[in-house]
Amino acid sequence: MLLNYINWNVDPDIVSFWGLTIRYYGLLFASSFLFGYIIMQKIFKKEGLTIELLDKLTVYMAVGTVLGARLGHCLFYQPDYYLSHPWEILKIWHGGLASHGAAIGILIALYYFSKKNKKPYLWILDRIVIVVALAGFFIRMGNLMNSEIYGIETSLPWGFIFVRDGQVVPKHPTQIYEALSYLFIFVLLYGIYIKKGIQVKQGLIFSIFLILLFTVRFFIEFIKEDQVGFEQGMSLNMGQWLSIPFVLIGLFLLFRSIKLQAPAK
């Protein structure tokens, strides 16, 4: 007789030596930057841009992602605690990163990058979101390895019992749902870029990214467990409220890009 659920009891630590622990989450997070860099390298080479410029962009991205994700978690999900204990914000190794915060951090960092290096803001966003979608895949797989950010109880045969988090009933593996969705978005966006190249209308790829990724996030949140106590009883949780503005911005930019006659340069 086949089980109608999956027992998930993976140790999040890969190996420990000399007081250093390598975890799946950290490895996957680092992989998102590695593979993102490789893809951006191909894009920059295709457009005749220097590796030095890419290296600068990578630094801005790394800082924007980490600071945005950390501050987003602290201010969106646990503001009372972190505003009362501000030094705890620095303890990123204790966990607590928010994807919406990362998105805001990236947008701000890339705005300064565009000003500093005299590149159109939408030109940068159109290219960087391709690898951001891929990074979303890696990060959600990291959440799976950590047995965190899962869904509500389910009777579906692919439900996961997250043993390490003390669960005894199958839950929706929403990490996998999101990861596969983000992987699809990456393939779609990269396919558009490969096909159209520099002829793609400015803002088109970025707008599709915003609409698809945050629409996916909005609907998957319906079957996710609440991340923090104050979300209980809310018709829409914090993740959904934060997704709506991104979708609206995406729709605005999509209509704007469709109206543009001249291709991006």
Foldseek 3Di string as FASTA:
>chain_A
DDFLEAEDEFDQWDDDDPRDTDGLLVVLLVVLLVVLLVVVVVLCVVVVHDVVLVVVLSVLLVVLQVLQFLVCQCVLFPVVVCVVVVVVSPPCVVDGGHPLSSVVSSLVSLVVSCVVVVHDSLVVLLSSLLSVLLSLLSNLVSCVSVLDFWFDADSGSHFYQHVVVPGDGGTHSVSNVLNVQSVVLSVVSVVVCVVQPQQQQRLQSNLVSLQRNLVSQLVSQVGTDAPHDVQPPPPGGSSNVSSVVSNVVSVVSNVVRVPDDGGHD
